[in-house]
Amino acid sequence: MLNNPTFDKLLSMKMNGMAKTLQEQEDLTESLNMTFHERFGLLVDAEYSERQTQQLTRRLRTARLKQSAAVEDIDYHHSRGLDRGLVTQLSTGQWIKEGLNLLISGPTGVGKTYLSCALAHKACMLGYSAQYYRTPRFFQDLTIARLEGNYNRFLRKMQKFDLLVLDDFALIPITEEQSRDLLEVSDDRCSAQSILLSSQIEPENWYKVFENPTLADAILDRIIHGAYKINLTGESIRKKQKKKTRNVEK
């Protein structure tokens, strides 16, 4: 076990990747044949990788994604109108870089939440920050923030995220107060940061959910204009899986 002031200093500076690799180099005779620059390069690479992993872990923890999902694991075998080419394009993260939005719609059980979480996970992998909310909980937290005097702080917090995911959008009527809140959020993010909305209702029917049509126009004009759209179709994947399970049991 390496035990010297250099190793201790690395640990005290929380340079754990470099410390671990230094220990490994001391235990390997092959490292004796390396030049100083080769050994130092490995140390720097190890520290860089360690910090990248820590940052990704923090981003994913902060995002609070509902499902553990990855774009590499998306199932294209089910007939639900999912365009692999579009998903591949979205996986580059360019839409987030440009501050564009994504609207995912379709009936229950076709994988809207999984797809939303997979793209948010990919965003985190690419270095973007993300935040997942079920829309009812999002409005609830806004109300609580207002009552506690933290409304502006909450809005500033939302503005820090490169991607805001609102799942189960427009399932229940959106009140005038909630509309005003959503207008603030969408206006803060317009053309600068991305919003991903997932809903059982198609975007052209979202207007009917708002109690105030004037606010609905202002909000949806900001969100829908220029947004990518994915409309999933077909039978619930969960129902298909249950059918397969019952057939296996028989």
Protein backbone atom coordinates (compact mmCIF):
# COMPACT_ATOMS: atom_id res chain seq x y z
CA MET A 1 0.00 0.00 0.00
CA LEU A 2 1.42 3.32 -1.10
CA ASN A 3 1.81 5.64 1.84
CA ASN A 4 3.57 8.91 1.18
CA PRO A 5 2.85 12.66 1.37
CA THR A 6 1.94 12.85 -2.35
CA PHE A 7 -0.72 10.16 -2.02
CA ASP A 8 -2.12 11.79 1.12
CA LYS A 9 -2.25 15.18 -0.59
CA LEU A 10 -4.15 13.70 -3.55
CA LEU A 11 -6.73 12.25 -1.18
CA SER A 12 -7.02 15.50 0.78
CA MET A 13 -7.69 17.35 -2.50
CA LYS A 14 -10.28 14.67 -3.37
CA MET A 15 -8.32 13.65 -6.44
CA ASN A 16 -9.34 10.06 -5.92
CA GLY A 17 -8.98 8.95 -9.53
CA MET A 18 -5.39 10.09 -9.65
CA ALA A 19 -4.63 8.58 -6.25
CA LYS A 20 -6.09 5.21 -7.23
CA THR A 21 -4.14 5.10 -10.50
CA LEU A 22 -0.94 6.14 -8.74
CA GLN A 23 -1.42 3.22 -6.37
CA GLU A 24 -1.96 0.87 -9.31
CA GLN A 25 1.17 2.14 -11.03
CA GLU A 26 3.21 1.47 -7.90
CA ASP A 27 1.94 -2.11 -7.88
CA LEU A 28 2.71 -2.77 -11.55
CA THR A 29 6.26 -3.39 -12.67
CA GLU A 30 5.23 -2.43 -16.23
CA SER A 31 4.86 1.19 -15.12
CA LEU A 32 8.61 1.32 -14.44
CA ASN A 33 9.17 1.16 -18.20
CA MET A 34 6.90 4.15 -18.87
CA THR A 35 8.17 7.67 -19.37
CA PHE A 36 7.17 10.41 -16.96
CA HIS A 37 4.76 11.87 -19.51
CA GLU A 38 3.10 8.48 -20.10
CA ARG A 39 2.56 7.90 -16.39
CA PHE A 40 1.39 11.45 -15.80
CA GLY A 41 -0.99 11.20 -18.76
CA LEU A 42 -2.61 8.09 -17.26
CA LEU A 43 -2.99 9.86 -13.93
CA VAL A 44 -4.70 12.85 -15.53
CA ASP A 45 -6.96 10.60 -17.63
CA ALA A 46 -8.00 8.68 -14.53
CA GLU A 47 -8.81 11.85 -12.59
CA TYR A 48 -10.75 13.28 -15.52
CA SER A 49 -12.81 10.08 -15.88
CA GLU A 50 -13.46 9.98 -12.14
CA ARG A 51 -14.75 13.55 -12.11
CA GLN A 52 -16.89 13.00 -15.19
CA THR A 53 -18.49 10.00 -13.51
CA GLN A 54 -19.14 11.98 -10.32
CA GLN A 55 -20.71 14.83 -12.27
CA LEU A 56 -22.96 12.42 -14.19
CA THR A 57 -24.04 10.79 -10.93
CA ARG A 58 -24.96 14.20 -9.51
CA ARG A 59 -26.88 15.18 -12.65
CA LEU A 60 -28.88 11.94 -12.62
CA ARG A 61 -29.58 12.23 -8.91
CA THR A 62 -30.80 15.80 -9.37
CA ALA A 63 -32.93 14.88 -12.40
CA ARG A 64 -35.01 12.44 -10.31
CA LEU A 65 -36.09 10.46 -13.36
CA LYS A 66 -39.13 8.29 -12.74
CA GLN A 67 -37.71 5.32 -14.61
CA SER A 68 -34.24 3.95 -15.17
CA ALA A 69 -34.16 4.23 -18.95
CA ALA A 70 -31.62 4.51 -21.75
CA VAL A 71 -32.02 5.25 -25.44
CA GLU A 72 -29.93 2.16 -26.22
CA ASP A 73 -32.61 0.00 -24.59
CA ILE A 74 -35.62 1.47 -26.41
CA ASP A 75 -37.78 -1.28 -27.90
CA TYR A 76 -38.57 -0.72 -31.58
CA HIS A 77 -40.22 -4.13 -32.09
CA HIS A 78 -43.65 -3.00 -30.88
CA SER A 79 -45.68 -1.29 -33.59
CA ARG A 80 -46.24 2.14 -32.09
CA GLY A 81 -45.02 4.57 -34.72
CA LEU A 82 -41.68 5.32 -33.11
CA ASP A 83 -39.17 6.65 -35.64
CA ARG A 84 -35.71 5.28 -34.86
CA GLY A 85 -34.11 7.96 -37.01
CA LEU A 86 -35.76 10.76 -35.04
CA VAL A 87 -34.77 9.19 -31.72
CA THR A 88 -31.19 8.90 -32.99
CA GLN A 89 -31.28 12.57 -33.97
CA LEU A 90 -32.65 13.60 -30.58
CA SER A 91 -29.97 11.48 -28.89
CA THR A 92 -27.29 13.86 -30.15
CA GLY A 93 -28.68 16.54 -27.81
CA GLN A 94 -28.56 19.21 -30.51
CA TRP A 95 -32.21 20.13 -29.84
CA ILE A 96 -31.32 20.91 -26.23
CA LYS A 97 -28.30 22.93 -27.32
CA GLU A 98 -30.64 24.99 -29.53
CA GLY A 99 -33.28 25.37 -26.80
CA LEU A 100 -35.95 23.50 -28.75
CA ASN A 101 -38.83 21.55 -27.22
CA LEU A 102 -40.11 17.99 -27.61
CA LEU A 103 -43.75 16.90 -27.41
CA ILE A 104 -44.53 13.20 -26.90
CA SER A 105 -48.15 12.06 -27.12
CA GLY A 106 -49.98 8.76 -27.26
CA PRO A 107 -52.36 6.50 -25.37
CA THR A 108 -51.55 5.04 -21.99
CA GLY A 109 -49.00 2.26 -21.80
CA VAL A 110 -47.14 2.90 -25.08
CA GLY A 111 -43.92 4.03 -23.40
CA LYS A 112 -44.14 7.82 -23.25
CA THR A 113 -42.61 8.04 -19.77
CA TYR A 114 -39.84 5.57 -20.63
CA LEU A 115 -38.96 7.50 -23.79
CA SER A 116 -39.00 10.79 -21.89
CA CYS A 117 -36.72 9.42 -19.18
CA ALA A 118 -34.42 7.80 -21.74
CA LEU A 119 -33.91 11.10 -23.56
CA ALA A 120 -33.44 12.95 -20.27
CA HIS A 121 -30.88 10.31 -19.21
CA LYS A 122 -29.07 10.81 -22.52
CA ALA A 123 -29.09 14.56 -21.94
CA CYS A 124 -27.38 13.99 -18.59
CA MET A 125 -24.83 11.72 -20.28
CA LEU A 126 -24.07 14.54 -22.71
CA GLY A 127 -23.44 16.98 -19.87
CA TYR A 128 -26.80 18.74 -19.78
CA SER A 129 -28.79 19.21 -16.57
CA ALA A 130 -32.35 17.87 -16.41
CA GLN A 131 -35.32 17.83 -14.06
CA TYR A 132 -38.26 15.42 -14.24
CA TYR A 133 -41.72 16.20 -12.89
CA ARG A 134 -45.16 14.71 -13.16
CA THR A 135 -47.15 17.80 -14.11
CA PRO A 136 -49.59 17.65 -11.15
CA ARG A 137 -46.63 17.54 -8.74
CA PHE A 138 -44.97 20.39 -10.62
CA PHE A 139 -47.99 22.65 -10.10
CA GLN A 140 -48.23 21.51 -6.49
CA ASP A 141 -44.61 22.50 -5.82
CA LEU A 142 -45.20 25.88 -7.46
CA THR A 143 -48.18 26.48 -5.17
CA ILE A 144 -46.18 25.49 -2.11
CA ALA A 145 -43.32 27.76 -3.17
CA ARG A 146 -45.74 30.67 -3.49
CA LEU A 147 -47.27 30.03 -0.06
CA GLU A 148 -43.84 29.77 1.55
CA GLY A 149 -42.53 32.90 -0.14
CA ASN A 150 -40.10 30.96 -2.34
CA TYR A 151 -41.87 31.44 -5.66
CA ASN A 152 -39.16 33.47 -7.41
CA ARG A 153 -36.47 31.16 -6.02
CA PHE A 154 -38.32 28.16 -7.44
CA LEU A 155 -38.58 29.83 -10.86
CA ARG A 156 -34.85 30.61 -10.81
CA LYS A 157 -34.13 26.99 -9.90
CA MET A 158 -36.18 25.73 -12.86
CA GLN A 159 -34.36 28.16 -15.12
CA LYS A 160 -31.03 26.51 -14.30
CA PHE A 161 -31.99 23.20 -15.90
CA ASP A 162 -31.16 22.68 -19.57
CA LEU A 163 -34.11 20.29 -19.89
CA LEU A 164 -37.39 20.34 -17.96
CA VAL A 165 -39.53 17.21 -18.35
CA LEU A 166 -43.24 17.51 -17.55
CA ASP A 167 -44.86 14.09 -17.71
CA ASP A 168 -48.63 13.41 -17.74
CA PHE A 169 -49.29 16.88 -19.09
CA ALA A 170 -52.87 18.10 -19.67
CA LEU A 171 -54.55 15.12 -18.03
CA ILE A 172 -56.68 17.38 -15.84
CA PRO A 173 -57.91 20.97 -16.34
CA ILE A 174 -55.24 23.62 -15.89
CA THR A 175 -56.49 26.46 -13.71
CA GLU A 176 -55.84 30.14 -14.37
CA GLU A 177 -53.28 30.30 -11.56
CA GLN A 178 -51.48 27.24 -12.91
CA SER A 179 -51.60 28.79 -16.38
CA ARG A 180 -49.91 31.93 -15.09
CA ASP A 181 -47.24 29.79 -13.45
CA LEU A 182 -46.67 27.82 -16.63
CA LEU A 183 -46.49 31.05 -18.64
CA GLU A 184 -43.70 32.28 -16.35
CA VAL A 185 -41.79 29.02 -16.75
CA SER A 186 -42.26 28.76 -20.52
CA ASP A 187 -41.37 32.42 -21.03
CA ASP A 188 -38.16 32.04 -19.00
CA ARG A 189 -37.14 29.06 -21.11
CA CYS A 190 -38.35 30.24 -24.53
CA SER A 191 -35.65 29.64 -27.19
CA ALA A 192 -33.01 29.22 -24.47
CA GLN A 193 -33.76 25.98 -22.61
CA SER A 194 -35.79 22.95 -23.56
CA ILE A 195 -39.08 21.56 -22.32
CA LEU A 196 -40.22 17.98 -22.89
CA LEU A 197 -43.97 17.48 -22.51
CA SER A 198 -45.48 14.00 -22.42
CA SER A 199 -49.25 13.57 -22.64
CA GLN A 200 -52.05 11.19 -23.50
CA ILE A 201 -53.67 14.07 -25.34
CA GLU A 202 -52.36 15.26 -28.70
CA PRO A 203 -50.90 18.81 -28.69
CA GLU A 204 -53.64 20.25 -30.92
CA ASN A 205 -56.15 19.41 -28.19
CA TRP A 206 -54.22 20.93 -25.28
CA TYR A 207 -56.02 24.26 -25.68
CA LYS A 208 -59.23 22.67 -24.41
CA VAL A 209 -57.59 21.79 -21.07
CA PHE A 210 -56.83 25.39 -20.09
CA GLU A 211 -59.46 27.37 -18.22
CA ASN A 212 -58.16 30.62 -19.67
CA PRO A 213 -57.91 30.45 -23.50
CA THR A 214 -55.88 33.66 -23.72
CA LEU A 215 -53.18 32.28 -21.43
CA ALA A 216 -53.37 28.97 -23.32
CA ASP A 217 -52.51 30.77 -26.57
CA ALA A 218 -49.56 32.55 -24.97
CA ILE A 219 -48.18 29.39 -23.36
CA LEU A 220 -48.66 26.96 -26.22
CA ASP A 221 -47.32 29.41 -28.78
CA ARG A 222 -44.05 29.43 -26.85
CA ILE A 223 -43.95 25.66 -26.34
CA ILE A 224 -45.32 24.17 -29.56
CA HIS A 225 -43.75 26.49 -32.13
CA GLY A 226 -40.78 24.74 -33.74
CA ALA A 227 -40.95 21.77 -31.36
CA TYR A 228 -40.16 18.19 -32.28
CA LYS A 229 -43.21 15.92 -32.08
CA ILE A 230 -43.52 12.20 -31.44
CA ASN A 231 -47.00 10.68 -31.62
CA LEU A 232 -47.00 7.11 -30.36
CA THR A 233 -49.82 4.78 -31.34
CA GLY A 234 -50.92 1.20 -30.84
CA GLU A 235 -51.88 -1.08 -27.99
CA SER A 236 -50.49 -0.71 -24.49
CA ILE A 237 -47.15 -2.46 -24.12
CA ARG A 238 -48.10 -3.36 -20.55
CA LYS A 239 -51.22 -5.13 -21.79
CA LYS A 240 -49.19 -7.09 -24.32
CA GLN A 241 -46.71 -8.11 -21.63
CA LYS A 242 -49.57 -9.28 -19.37
CA LYS A 243 -51.02 -11.33 -22.22
CA LYS A 244 -47.65 -13.00 -22.78
CA THR A 245 -47.36 -13.75 -19.07
CA ARG A 246 -50.81 -15.34 -18.97
CA ASN A 247 -50.02 -17.43 -22.05
CA VAL A 248 -46.78 -18.64 -20.45
CA GLU A 249 -48.63 -19.56 -17.25
CA LYS A 250 -51.17 -21.58 -19.21
